Amino acid sequence: MVYPSPTTITSLSKILAAAAFCAFLPSQAAYAQDPLADFPLVIRCELKGTHHVFFLSRVTKDGTATYTASDRIAGTITLDGKAKAVGGTEGGDCVGKTLKELRASGQAHDLKS
C-alpha cells in the first residue's frame, strides 16, 4: 500500500481549501445579466399636445438608459432616478417621473414575449 507524504497531504489540503473558497465566490455569469431587462422598451410622453414615442437606445455601464424619438429628441433615466430631457429644457410630461411612476401612468411599455 502507498501512503502519501505529509508534504503531499499539505499540498492537497491547500488545493481543496482553495477550491472550496472559489465555490463561494459569485461566478462571472451571475453578473452577466441583461442590462436592458429592467428598462421598458418604449416610453410615451406628451409635449404641447403631441405624443412622442421614445425607444430604448442604450444602457451605459453606470445604469443610465437613453431613450430616443424622432425629431432628434432624447431623454435619460436610471432605475432609481427620474427622467431627464437631453439637449433641451422641455421634456413633456415624462420629465421628473421615475420608472415606477411611468409604468403606473401607462407611459412605459415592456416587450412581452
PDB file of N, CA and C in Angstrom:
ATOM      1  N   MET A   1       0.840  -1.168   0.000  1.00  0.00           N
ATOM      2  CA  MET A   1       0.000   0.000   0.000  1.00  0.00           C
ATOM      3  C   MET A   1       0.891   1.238   0.000  1.00  0.00           C
ATOM      4  N   VAL A   2       0.450   2.274  -0.730  1.00  0.00           N
ATOM      5  CA  VAL A   2       1.220   3.507  -0.839  1.00  0.00           C
ATOM      6  C   VAL A   2       0.534   4.580  -0.005  1.00  0.00           C
ATOM      7  N   TYR A   3       1.320   5.248   0.833  1.00  0.00           N
ATOM      8  CA  TYR A   3       0.798   6.328   1.668  1.00  0.00           C
ATOM      9  C   TYR A   3       1.372   7.656   1.189  1.00  0.00           C
ATOM     10  N   PRO A   4       0.530   8.693   1.099  1.00  0.00           N
ATOM     11  CA  PRO A   4       1.054   9.993   0.675  1.00  0.00           C
ATOM     12  C   PRO A   4       1.927  10.604   1.767  1.00  0.00           C
ATOM     13  N   SER A   5       2.907  11.345   1.341  1.00  0.00           N
ATOM     14  CA  SER A   5       3.806  12.001   2.293  1.00  0.00           C
ATOM     15  C   SER A   5       3.088  13.192   2.934  1.00  0.00           C
ATOM     16  N   PRO A   6       3.584  13.654   4.080  1.00  0.00           N
ATOM     17  CA  PRO A   6       2.983  14.827   4.720  1.00  0.00           C
ATOM     18  C   PRO A   6       2.977  16.057   3.798  1.00  0.00           C
ATOM     19  N   THR A   7       3.984  16.201   2.967  1.00  0.00           N
ATOM     20  CA  THR A   7       4.032  17.331   2.032  1.00  0.00           C
ATOM     21  C   THR A   7       2.902  17.226   1.010  1.00  0.00           C
ATOM     22  N   THR A   8       2.650  16.029   0.515  1.00  0.00           N
ATOM     23  CA  THR A   8       1.574  15.809  -0.452  1.00  0.00           C
ATOM     24  C   THR A   8       0.222  16.088   0.185  1.00  0.00           C
ATOM     25  N   ILE A   9       0.046  15.655   1.423  1.00  0.00           N
ATOM     26  CA  ILE A   9      -1.214  15.897   2.133  1.00  0.00           C
ATOM     27  C   ILE A   9      -1.428  17.399   2.324  1.00  0.00           C
ATOM     28  N   THR A  10      -0.377  18.120   2.697  1.00  0.00           N
ATOM     29  CA  THR A  10      -0.478  19.566   2.880  1.00  0.00           C
ATOM     30  C   THR A  10      -0.839  20.249   1.559  1.00  0.00           C
ATOM     31  N   SER A  11      -0.191  19.833   0.478  1.00  0.00           N
ATOM     32  CA  SER A  11      -0.482  20.421  -0.837  1.00  0.00           C
ATOM     33  C   SER A  11      -1.918  20.147  -1.256  1.00  0.00           C
ATOM     34  N   LEU A  12      -2.376  18.923  -1.065  1.00  0.00           N
ATOM     35  CA  LEU A  12      -3.758  18.579  -1.413  1.00  0.00           C
ATOM     36  C   LEU A  12      -4.750  19.358  -0.555  1.00  0.00           C
ATOM     37  N   SER A  13      -4.425  19.540   0.711  1.00  0.00           N
ATOM     38  CA  SER A  13      -5.301  20.307   1.598  1.00  0.00           C
ATOM     39  C   SER A  13      -5.425  21.752   1.127  1.00  0.00           C
ATOM     40  N   LYS A  14      -4.320  22.335   0.688  1.00  0.00           N
ATOM     41  CA  LYS A  14      -4.346  23.710   0.183  1.00  0.00           C
ATOM     42  C   LYS A  14      -5.193  23.813  -1.087  1.00  0.00           C
ATOM     43  N   ILE A  15      -5.055  22.836  -1.967  1.00  0.00           N
ATOM     44  CA  ILE A  15      -5.837  22.840  -3.209  1.00  0.00           C
ATOM     45  C   ILE A  15      -7.320  22.710  -2.902  1.00  0.00           C
ATOM     46  N   LEU A  16      -7.677  21.816  -1.989  1.00  0.00           N
ATOM     47  CA  LEU A  16      -9.080  21.638  -1.614  1.00  0.00           C
ATOM     48  C   LEU A  16      -9.639  22.889  -0.940  1.00  0.00           C
ATOM     49  N   ALA A  17      -8.843  23.517  -0.095  1.00  0.00           N
ATOM     50  CA  ALA A  17      -9.297  24.743   0.568  1.00  0.00           C
ATOM     51  C   ALA A  17      -9.525  25.854  -0.457  1.00  0.00           C
ATOM     52  N   ALA A  18      -8.617  25.973  -1.424  1.00  0.00           N
ATOM     53  CA  ALA A  18      -8.777  26.994  -2.463  1.00  0.00           C
ATOM     54  C   ALA A  18     -10.015  26.718  -3.311  1.00  0.00           C
ATOM     55  N   ALA A  19     -10.255  25.460  -3.642  1.00  0.00           N
ATOM     56  CA  ALA A  19     -11.432  25.097  -4.437  1.00  0.00           C
ATOM     57  C   ALA A  19     -12.715  25.385  -3.663  1.00  0.00           C
ATOM     58  N   ALA A  20     -12.717  25.085  -2.367  1.00  0.00           N
ATOM     59  CA  ALA A  20     -13.897  25.354  -1.547  1.00  0.00           C
ATOM     60  C   ALA A  20     -14.155  26.858  -1.449  1.00  0.00           C
ATOM     61  N   PHE A  21     -13.091  27.641  -1.323  1.00  0.00           N
ATOM     62  CA  PHE A  21     -13.241  29.096  -1.260  1.00  0.00           C
ATOM     63  C   PHE A  21     -13.817  29.636  -2.568  1.00  0.00           C
ATOM     64  N   CYS A  22     -13.310  29.152  -3.690  1.00  0.00           N
ATOM     65  CA  CYS A  22     -13.783  29.613  -5.004  1.00  0.00           C
ATOM     66  C   CYS A  22     -15.244  29.245  -5.239  1.00  0.00           C
ATOM     67  N   ALA A  23     -15.702  28.175  -4.635  1.00  0.00           N
ATOM     68  CA  ALA A  23     -17.094  27.763  -4.816  1.00  0.00           C
ATOM     69  C   ALA A  23     -18.058  28.795  -4.234  1.00  0.00           C
ATOM     70  N   PHE A  24     -17.607  29.561  -3.246  1.00  0.00           N
ATOM     71  CA  PHE A  24     -18.467  30.566  -2.629  1.00  0.00           C
ATOM     72  C   PHE A  24     -18.405  31.922  -3.328  1.00  0.00           C
ATOM     73  N   LEU A  25     -17.456  32.100  -4.228  1.00  0.00           N
ATOM     74  CA  LEU A  25     -17.367  33.357  -4.962  1.00  0.00           C
ATOM     75  C   LEU A  25     -18.423  33.380  -6.057  1.00  0.00           C
ATOM     76  N   PRO A  26     -19.062  34.522  -6.288  1.00  0.00           N
ATOM     77  CA  PRO A  26     -20.045  34.593  -7.373  1.00  0.00           C
ATOM     78  C   PRO A  26     -19.353  34.423  -8.714  1.00  0.00           C
ATOM     79  N   SER A  27     -19.968  33.688  -9.581  1.00  0.00           N
ATOM     80  CA  SER A  27     -19.371  33.463 -10.894  1.00  0.00           C
ATOM     81  C   SER A  27     -19.588  34.675 -11.785  1.00  0.00           C
ATOM     82  N   GLN A  28     -18.782  34.796 -12.806  1.00  0.00           N
ATOM     83  CA  GLN A  28     -18.903  35.905 -13.751  1.00  0.00           C
ATOM     84  C   GLN A  28     -20.254  35.856 -14.449  1.00  0.00           C
ATOM     85  N   ALA A  29     -20.784  34.666 -14.671  1.00  0.00           N
ATOM     86  CA  ALA A  29     -22.074  34.528 -15.346  1.00  0.00           C
ATOM     87  C   ALA A  29     -23.199  35.163 -14.536  1.00  0.00           C
ATOM     88  N   ALA A  30     -23.061  35.165 -13.222  1.00  0.00           N
ATOM     89  CA  ALA A  30     -24.098  35.767 -12.386  1.00  0.00           C
ATOM     90  C   ALA A  30     -24.186  37.273 -12.618  1.00  0.00           C
ATOM     91  N   TYR A  31     -23.090  37.889 -13.009  1.00  0.00           N
ATOM     92  CA  TYR A  31     -23.086  39.321 -13.261  1.00  0.00           C
ATOM     93  C   TYR A  31     -23.396  39.659 -14.718  1.00  0.00           C
ATOM     94  N   ALA A  32     -23.530  38.660 -15.552  1.00  0.00           N
ATOM     95  CA  ALA A  32     -23.764  38.895 -16.973  1.00  0.00           C
ATOM     96  C   ALA A  32     -25.250  38.980 -17.288  1.00  0.00           C
ATOM     97  N   GLN A  33     -26.023  39.543 -16.387  1.00  0.00           N
ATOM     98  CA  GLN A  33     -27.449  39.702 -16.610  1.00  0.00           C
ATOM     99  C   GLN A  33     -27.673  40.726 -17.707  1.00  0.00           C
ATOM    100  N   ASP A  34     -28.816  40.622 -18.361  1.00  0.00           N
ATOM    101  CA  ASP A  34     -29.159  41.545 -19.434  1.00  0.00           C
ATOM    102  C   ASP A  34     -29.425  42.926 -18.852  1.00  0.00           C
ATOM    103  N   PRO A  35     -28.591  43.920 -19.155  1.00  0.00           N
ATOM    104  CA  PRO A  35     -28.791  45.259 -18.591  1.00  0.00           C
ATOM    105  C   PRO A  35     -30.049  45.940 -19.120  1.00  0.00           C
ATOM    106  N   LEU A  36     -30.604  45.438 -20.213  1.00  0.00           N
ATOM    107  CA  LEU A  36     -31.808  46.040 -20.782  1.00  0.00           C
ATOM    108  C   LEU A  36     -33.083  45.513 -20.131  1.00  0.00           C
ATOM    109  N   ALA A  37     -32.978  44.424 -19.387  1.00  0.00           N
ATOM    110  CA  ALA A  37     -34.166  43.751 -18.852  1.00  0.00           C
ATOM    111  C   ALA A  37     -34.967  44.606 -17.868  1.00  0.00           C
ATOM    112  N   ASP A  38     -34.331  45.510 -17.164  1.00  0.00           N
ATOM    113  CA  ASP A  38     -35.029  46.300 -16.147  1.00  0.00           C
ATOM    114  C   ASP A  38     -35.688  47.563 -16.696  1.00  0.00           C
ATOM    115  N   PHE A  39     -35.421  47.872 -17.944  1.00  0.00           N
ATOM    116  CA  PHE A  39     -35.956  49.094 -18.535  1.00  0.00           C
ATOM    117  C   PHE A  39     -37.058  48.771 -19.538  1.00  0.00           C
ATOM    118  N   PRO A  40     -38.087  49.617 -19.605  1.00  0.00           N
ATOM    119  CA  PRO A  40     -39.127  49.402 -20.614  1.00  0.00           C
ATOM    120  C   PRO A  40     -38.563  49.649 -22.014  1.00  0.00           C
ATOM    121  N   LEU A  41     -39.133  48.985 -22.998  1.00  0.00           N
ATOM    122  CA  LEU A  41     -38.683  49.155 -24.375  1.00  0.00           C
ATOM    123  C   LEU A  41     -39.108  50.516 -24.932  1.00  0.00           C
ATOM    124  N   VAL A  42     -40.300  50.964 -24.523  1.00  0.00           N
ATOM    125  CA  VAL A  42     -40.872  52.193 -25.063  1.00  0.00           C
ATOM    126  C   VAL A  42     -41.417  53.058 -23.932  1.00  0.00           C
ATOM    127  N   ILE A  43     -41.213  54.361 -24.032  1.00  0.00           N
ATOM    128  CA  ILE A  43     -41.827  55.326 -23.117  1.00  0.00           C
ATOM    129  C   ILE A  43     -42.548  56.370 -23.969  1.00  0.00           C
ATOM    130  N   ARG A  44     -43.796  56.643 -23.615  1.00  0.00           N
ATOM    131  CA  ARG A  44     -44.617  57.618 -24.343  1.00  0.00           C
ATOM    132  C   ARG A  44     -44.743  58.887 -23.509  1.00  0.00           C
ATOM    133  N   CYS A  45     -44.442  60.021 -24.133  1.00  0.00           N
ATOM    134  CA  CYS A  45     -44.527  61.310 -23.449  1.00  0.00           C
ATOM    135  C   CYS A  45     -45.306  62.301 -24.311  1.00  0.00           C
ATOM    136  N   GLU A  46     -45.977  63.226 -23.644  1.00  0.00           N
ATOM    137  CA  GLU A  46     -46.720  64.263 -24.354  1.00  0.00           C
ATOM    138  C   GLU A  46     -46.059  65.614 -24.118  1.00  0.00           C
ATOM    139  N   LEU A  47     -45.906  66.367 -25.194  1.00  0.00           N
ATOM    140  CA  LEU A  47     -45.349  67.713 -25.121  1.00  0.00           C
ATOM    141  C   LEU A  47     -46.165  68.613 -26.037  1.00  0.00           C
ATOM    142  N   LYS A  48     -46.846  69.578 -25.450  1.00  0.00           N
ATOM    143  CA  LYS A  48     -47.653  70.559 -26.193  1.00  0.00           C
ATOM    144  C   LYS A  48     -48.661  69.892 -27.129  1.00  0.00           C
ATOM    145  N   GLY A  49     -49.334  68.869 -26.630  1.00  0.00           N
ATOM    146  CA  GLY A  49     -50.376  68.208 -27.404  1.00  0.00           C
ATOM    147  C   GLY A  49     -49.895  67.159 -28.386  1.00  0.00           C
ATOM    148  N   THR A  50     -48.595  66.974 -28.508  1.00  0.00           N
ATOM    149  CA  THR A  50     -48.041  65.957 -29.402  1.00  0.00           C
ATOM    150  C   THR A  50     -47.488  64.808 -28.571  1.00  0.00           C
ATOM    151  N   HIS A  51     -47.869  63.590 -28.939  1.00  0.00           N
ATOM    152  CA  HIS A  51     -47.372  62.400 -28.247  1.00  0.00           C
ATOM    153  C   HIS A  51     -46.115  61.906 -28.958  1.00  0.00           C
ATOM    154  N   HIS A  52     -45.065  61.711 -28.191  1.00  0.00           N
ATOM    155  CA  HIS A  52     -43.794  61.219 -28.721  1.00  0.00           C
ATOM    156  C   HIS A  52     -43.542  59.836 -28.141  1.00  0.00           C
ATOM    157  N   VAL A  53     -43.036  58.935 -28.979  1.00  0.00           N
ATOM    158  CA  VAL A  53     -42.681  57.586 -28.537  1.00  0.00           C
ATOM    159  C   VAL A  53     -41.159  57.503 -28.509  1.00  0.00           C
ATOM    160  N   PHE A  54     -40.623  57.234 -27.322  1.00  0.00           N
ATOM    161  CA  PHE A  54     -39.181  57.123 -27.123  1.00  0.00           C
ATOM    162  C   PHE A  54     -38.814  55.648 -27.020  1.00  0.00           C
ATOM    163  N   PHE A  55     -37.846  55.228 -27.818  1.00  0.00           N
ATOM    164  CA  PHE A  55     -37.395  53.843 -27.817  1.00  0.00           C
ATOM    165  C   PHE A  55     -36.080  53.730 -27.057  1.00  0.00           C
ATOM    166  N   LEU A  56     -35.927  52.636 -26.310  1.00  0.00           N
ATOM    167  CA  LEU A  56     -34.687  52.392 -25.579  1.00  0.00           C
ATOM    168  C   LEU A  56     -33.550  52.281 -26.584  1.00  0.00           C
ATOM    169  N   SER A  57     -32.555  53.112 -26.402  1.00  0.00           N
ATOM    170  CA  SER A  57     -31.442  53.168 -27.338  1.00  0.00           C
ATOM    171  C   SER A  57     -30.183  52.511 -26.774  1.00  0.00           C
ATOM    172  N   ARG A  58     -29.898  52.768 -25.484  1.00  0.00           N
ATOM    173  CA  ARG A  58     -28.693  52.187 -24.879  1.00  0.00           C
ATOM    174  C   ARG A  58     -28.780  52.261 -23.365  1.00  0.00           C
ATOM    175  N   VAL A  59     -27.958  51.434 -22.711  1.00  0.00           N
ATOM    176  CA  VAL A  59     -27.786  51.472 -21.259  1.00  0.00           C
ATOM    177  C   VAL A  59     -26.285  51.483 -21.002  1.00  0.00           C
ATOM    178  N   THR A  60     -25.807  52.515 -20.318  1.00  0.00           N
ATOM    179  CA  THR A  60     -24.378  52.648 -20.053  1.00  0.00           C
ATOM    180  C   THR A  60     -23.965  51.801 -18.851  1.00  0.00           C
ATOM    181  N   LYS A  61     -22.658  51.712 -18.626  1.00  0.00           N
ATOM    182  CA  LYS A  61     -22.132  50.923 -17.509  1.00  0.00           C
ATOM    183  C   LYS A  61     -22.659  51.391 -16.162  1.00  0.00           C
ATOM    184  N   ASP A  62     -22.915  52.703 -16.034  1.00  0.00           N
ATOM    185  CA  ASP A  62     -23.403  53.229 -14.756  1.00  0.00           C
ATOM    186  C   ASP A  62     -24.913  53.058 -14.582  1.00  0.00           C
ATOM    187  N   GLY A  63     -25.585  52.418 -15.561  1.00  0.00           N
ATOM    188  CA  GLY A  63     -27.012  52.136 -15.428  1.00  0.00           C
ATOM    189  C   GLY A  63     -27.934  53.239 -15.905  1.00  0.00           C
ATOM    190  N   THR A  64     -27.423  54.141 -16.720  1.00  0.00           N
ATOM    191  CA  THR A  64     -28.257  55.198 -17.286  1.00  0.00           C
ATOM    192  C   THR A  64     -28.785  54.748 -18.641  1.00  0.00           C
ATOM    193  N   ALA A  65     -30.110  54.739 -18.767  1.00  0.00           N
ATOM    194  CA  ALA A  65     -30.738  54.363 -20.033  1.00  0.00           C
ATOM    195  C   ALA A  65     -31.036  55.621 -20.836  1.00  0.00           C
ATOM    196  N   THR A  66     -30.767  55.556 -22.127  1.00  0.00           N
ATOM    197  CA  THR A  66     -31.067  56.657 -23.032  1.00  0.00           C
ATOM    198  C   THR A  66     -32.184  56.222 -23.968  1.00  0.00           C
ATOM    199  N   TYR A  67     -33.182  57.077 -24.089  1.00  0.00           N
ATOM    200  CA  TYR A  67     -34.319  56.847 -24.976  1.00  0.00           C
ATOM    201  C   TYR A  67     -34.315  57.922 -26.053  1.00  0.00           C
ATOM    202  N   THR A  68     -34.589  57.525 -27.301  1.00  0.00           N
ATOM    203  CA  THR A  68     -34.613  58.478 -28.399  1.00  0.00           C
ATOM    204  C   THR A  68     -35.941  58.408 -29.142  1.00  0.00           C
ATOM    205  N   ALA A  69     -36.314  59.541 -29.711  1.00  0.00           N
ATOM    206  CA  ALA A  69     -37.536  59.638 -30.513  1.00  0.00           C
ATOM    207  C   ALA A  69     -37.199  60.373 -31.804  1.00  0.00           C
ATOM    208  N   SER A  70     -38.201  60.518 -32.647  1.00  0.00           N
ATOM    209  CA  SER A  70     -37.988  61.290 -33.868  1.00  0.00           C
ATOM    210  C   SER A  70     -37.726  62.748 -33.493  1.00  0.00           C
ATOM    211  N   ASP A  71     -37.448  63.548 -34.466  1.00  0.00           N
ATOM    212  CA  ASP A  71     -37.165  64.974 -34.244  1.00  0.00           C
ATOM    213  C   ASP A  71     -35.916  65.194 -33.401  1.00  0.00           C
ATOM    214  N   ARG A  72     -35.054  64.171 -33.332  1.00  0.00           N
ATOM    215  CA  ARG A  72     -33.781  64.273 -32.603  1.00  0.00           C
ATOM    216  C   ARG A  72     -33.960  64.696 -31.151  1.00  0.00           C
ATOM    217  N   ILE A  73     -34.957  64.146 -30.510  1.00  0.00           N
ATOM    218  CA  ILE A  73     -35.145  64.418 -29.085  1.00  0.00           C
ATOM    219  C   ILE A  73     -34.838  63.152 -28.306  1.00  0.00           C
ATOM    220  N   ALA A  74     -34.355  63.325 -27.089  1.00  0.00           N
ATOM    221  CA  ALA A  74     -33.948  62.178 -26.281  1.00  0.00           C
ATOM    222  C   ALA A  74     -34.121  62.488 -24.804  1.00  0.00           C
ATOM    223  N   GLY A  75     -34.037  61.439 -24.012  1.00  0.00           N
ATOM    224  CA  GLY A  75     -34.105  61.571 -22.567  1.00  0.00           C
ATOM    225  C   GLY A  75     -33.346  60.443 -21.907  1.00  0.00           C
ATOM    226  N   THR A  76     -33.028  60.618 -20.639  1.00  0.00           N
ATOM    227  CA  THR A  76     -32.332  59.583 -19.878  1.00  0.00           C
ATOM    228  C   THR A  76     -33.081  59.295 -18.589  1.00  0.00           C
ATOM    229  N   ILE A  77     -32.823  58.098 -18.060  1.00  0.00           N
ATOM    230  CA  ILE A  77     -33.399  57.705 -16.771  1.00  0.00           C
ATOM    231  C   ILE A  77     -32.553  56.574 -16.202  1.00  0.00           C
ATOM    232  N   THR A  78     -32.515  56.473 -14.878  1.00  0.00           N
ATOM    233  CA  THR A  78     -31.861  55.357 -14.203  1.00  0.00           C
ATOM    234  C   THR A  78     -32.921  54.560 -13.462  1.00  0.00           C
ATOM    235  N   LEU A  79     -32.543  53.376 -12.972  1.00  0.00           N
ATOM    236  CA  LEU A  79     -33.512  52.534 -12.273  1.00  0.00           C
ATOM    237  C   LEU A  79     -34.087  53.215 -11.045  1.00  0.00           C
ATOM    238  N   ASP A  80     -33.282  54.019 -10.365  1.00  0.00           N
ATOM    239  CA  ASP A  80     -33.760  54.666  -9.139  1.00  0.00           C
ATOM    240  C   ASP A  80     -33.863  56.190  -9.260  1.00  0.00           C
ATOM    241  N   GLY A  81     -33.740  56.692 -10.482  1.00  0.00           N
ATOM    242  CA  GLY A  81     -33.780  58.139 -10.679  1.00  0.00           C
ATOM    243  C   GLY A  81     -35.005  58.593 -11.452  1.00  0.00           C
ATOM    244  N   LYS A  82     -34.990  59.850 -11.817  1.00  0.00           N
ATOM    245  CA  LYS A  82     -36.112  60.459 -12.536  1.00  0.00           C
ATOM    246  C   LYS A  82     -35.709  60.759 -13.973  1.00  0.00           C
ATOM    247  N   ALA A  83     -36.710  60.783 -14.848  1.00  0.00           N
ATOM    248  CA  ALA A  83     -36.476  61.058 -16.263  1.00  0.00           C
ATOM    249  C   ALA A  83     -35.993  62.488 -16.458  1.00  0.00           C
ATOM    250  N   LYS A  84     -35.048  62.651 -17.380  1.00  0.00           N
ATOM    251  CA  LYS A  84     -34.497  63.968 -17.701  1.00  0.00           C
ATOM    252  C   LYS A  84     -34.482  64.139 -19.214  1.00  0.00           C
ATOM    253  N   ALA A  85     -34.759  65.343 -19.670  1.00  0.00           N
ATOM    254  CA  ALA A  85     -34.649  65.658 -21.094  1.00  0.00           C
ATOM    255  C   ALA A  85     -33.181  65.881 -21.436  1.00  0.00           C
ATOM    256  N   VAL A  86     -32.802  65.513 -22.650  1.00  0.00           N
ATOM    257  CA  VAL A  86     -31.432  65.712 -23.112  1.00  0.00           C
ATOM    258  C   VAL A  86     -31.443  66.748 -24.228  1.00  0.00           C
ATOM    259  N   GLY A  87     -30.609  67.761 -24.102  1.00  0.00           N
ATOM    260  CA  GLY A  87     -30.448  68.742 -25.159  1.00  0.00           C
ATOM    261  C   GLY A  87     -31.522  69.811 -25.234  1.00  0.00           C
ATOM    262  N   GLY A  88     -32.402  69.858 -24.281  1.00  0.00           N
ATOM    263  CA  GLY A  88     -33.432  70.886 -24.293  1.00  0.00           C
ATOM    264  C   GLY A  88     -34.042  71.042 -22.919  1.00  0.00           C
ATOM    265  N   THR A  89     -34.752  72.113 -22.731  1.00  0.00           N
ATOM    266  CA  THR A  89     -35.346  72.364 -21.421  1.00  0.00           C
ATOM    267  C   THR A  89     -36.734  71.756 -21.297  1.00  0.00           C
ATOM    268  N   GLU A  90     -37.400  71.524 -22.442  1.00  0.00           N
ATOM    269  CA  GLU A  90     -38.747  70.982 -22.389  1.00  0.00           C
ATOM    270  C   GLU A  90     -38.704  69.483 -22.650  1.00  0.00           C
ATOM    271  N   GLY A  91     -39.322  68.730 -21.782  1.00  0.00           N
ATOM    272  CA  GLY A  91     -39.318  67.292 -21.950  1.00  0.00           C
ATOM    273  C   GLY A  91     -40.692  66.680 -21.871  1.00  0.00           C
ATOM    274  N   GLY A  92     -41.689  67.484 -21.751  1.00  0.00           N
ATOM    275  CA  GLY A  92     -43.037  66.949 -21.702  1.00  0.00           C
ATOM    276  C   GLY A  92     -43.395  66.389 -20.343  1.00  0.00           C
ATOM    277  N   ASP A  93     -44.429  65.548 -20.346  1.00  0.00           N
ATOM    278  CA  ASP A  93     -44.969  65.054 -19.076  1.00  0.00           C
ATOM    279  C   ASP A  93     -44.219  63.852 -18.501  1.00  0.00           C
ATOM    280  N   CYS A  94     -43.095  63.471 -19.095  1.00  0.00           N
ATOM    281  CA  CYS A  94     -42.277  62.383 -18.544  1.00  0.00           C
ATOM    282  C   CYS A  94     -41.195  62.896 -17.592  1.00  0.00           C
ATOM    283  N   VAL A  95     -40.764  64.109 -17.816  1.00  0.00           N
ATOM    284  CA  VAL A  95     -39.655  64.666 -17.039  1.00  0.00           C
ATOM    285  C   VAL A  95     -40.006  64.691 -15.558  1.00  0.00           C
ATOM    286  N   GLY A  96     -39.074  64.196 -14.756  1.00  0.00           N
ATOM    287  CA  GLY A  96     -39.259  64.193 -13.308  1.00  0.00           C
ATOM    288  C   GLY A  96     -39.938  62.952 -12.765  1.00  0.00           C
ATOM    289  N   LYS A  97     -40.399  62.063 -13.637  1.00  0.00           N
ATOM    290  CA  LYS A  97     -41.061  60.838 -13.175  1.00  0.00           C
ATOM    291  C   LYS A  97     -40.052  59.700 -13.082  1.00  0.00           C
ATOM    292  N   THR A  98     -40.297  58.794 -12.143  1.00  0.00           N
ATOM    293  CA  THR A  98     -39.483  57.591 -12.013  1.00  0.00           C
ATOM    294  C   THR A  98     -40.038  56.517 -12.943  1.00  0.00           C
ATOM    295  N   LEU A  99     -39.285  55.429 -13.114  1.00  0.00           N
ATOM    296  CA  LEU A  99     -39.787  54.309 -13.921  1.00  0.00           C
ATOM    297  C   LEU A  99     -41.075  53.751 -13.335  1.00  0.00           C
ATOM    298  N   LYS A 100     -41.138  53.698 -12.020  1.00  0.00           N
ATOM    299  CA  LYS A 100     -42.350  53.196 -11.358  1.00  0.00           C
ATOM    300  C   LYS A 100     -43.550  54.082 -11.694  1.00  0.00           C
ATOM    301  N   GLU A 101     -43.350  55.387 -11.665  1.00  0.00           N
ATOM    302  CA  GLU A 101     -44.432  56.325 -11.985  1.00  0.00           C
ATOM    303  C   GLU A 101     -44.827  56.244 -13.461  1.00  0.00           C
ATOM    304  N   LEU A 102     -43.832  56.093 -14.338  1.00  0.00           N
ATOM    305  CA  LEU A 102     -44.129  55.968 -15.769  1.00  0.00           C
ATOM    306  C   LEU A 102     -44.917  54.689 -16.060  1.00  0.00           C
ATOM    307  N   ARG A 103     -44.562  53.611 -15.377  1.00  0.00           N
ATOM    308  CA  ARG A 103     -45.306  52.353 -15.560  1.00  0.00           C
ATOM    309  C   ARG A 103     -46.726  52.491 -15.014  1.00  0.00           C
ATOM    310  N   ALA A 104     -46.862  53.102 -13.845  1.00  0.00           N
ATOM    311  CA  ALA A 104     -48.182  53.250 -13.215  1.00  0.00           C
ATOM    312  C   ALA A 104     -49.112  54.130 -14.050  1.00  0.00           C
ATOM    313  N   SER A 105     -48.554  55.111 -14.746  1.00  0.00           N
ATOM    314  CA  SER A 105     -49.375  56.012 -15.562  1.00  0.00           C
ATOM    315  C   SER A 105     -49.633  55.462 -16.963  1.00  0.00           C
ATOM    316  N   GLY A 106     -49.087  54.282 -17.264  1.00  0.00           N
ATOM    317  CA  GLY A 106     -49.288  53.680 -18.582  1.00  0.00           C
ATOM    318  C   GLY A 106     -48.409  54.267 -19.665  1.00  0.00           C
ATOM    319  N   GLN A 107     -47.373  54.990 -19.279  1.00  0.00           N
ATOM    320  CA  GLN A 107     -46.485  55.611 -20.260  1.00  0.00           C
ATOM    321  C   GLN A 107     -45.290  54.730 -20.619  1.00  0.00           C
ATOM    322  N   ALA A 108     -44.983  53.736 -19.818  1.00  0.00           N
ATOM    323  CA  ALA A 108     -43.858  52.841 -20.076  1.00  0.00           C
ATOM    324  C   ALA A 108     -44.398  51.481 -20.493  1.00  0.00           C
ATOM    325  N   HIS A 109     -43.811  50.931 -21.541  1.00  0.00           N
ATOM    326  CA  HIS A 109     -44.290  49.666 -22.090  1.00  0.00           C
ATOM    327  C   HIS A 109     -43.125  48.703 -22.267  1.00  0.00           C
ATOM    328  N   ASP A 110     -43.304  47.480 -21.755  1.00  0.00           N
ATOM    329  CA  ASP A 110     -42.293  46.439 -21.872  1.00  0.00           C
ATOM    330  C   ASP A 110     -42.611  45.541 -23.060  1.00  0.00           C
ATOM    331  N   LEU A 111     -41.593  44.904 -23.584  1.00  0.00           N
ATOM    332  CA  LEU A 111     -41.773  43.939 -24.656  1.00  0.00           C
ATOM    333  C   LEU A 111     -42.255  42.637 -24.036  1.00  0.00           C
ATOM    334  N   LYS A 112     -43.382  42.150 -24.495  1.00  0.00           N
ATOM    335  CA  LYS A 112     -43.931  40.904 -23.961  1.00  0.00           C
ATOM    336  C   LYS A 112     -43.585  39.773 -24.900  1.00  0.00           C
ATOM    337  N   SER A 113     -43.070  38.681 -24.321  1.00  0.00           N
ATOM    338  CA  SER A 113     -42.696  37.543 -25.168  1.00  0.00           C
ATOM    339  C   SER A 113     -43.801  36.528 -25.275  1.00  0.00           C
TER     340      SER A 113
END
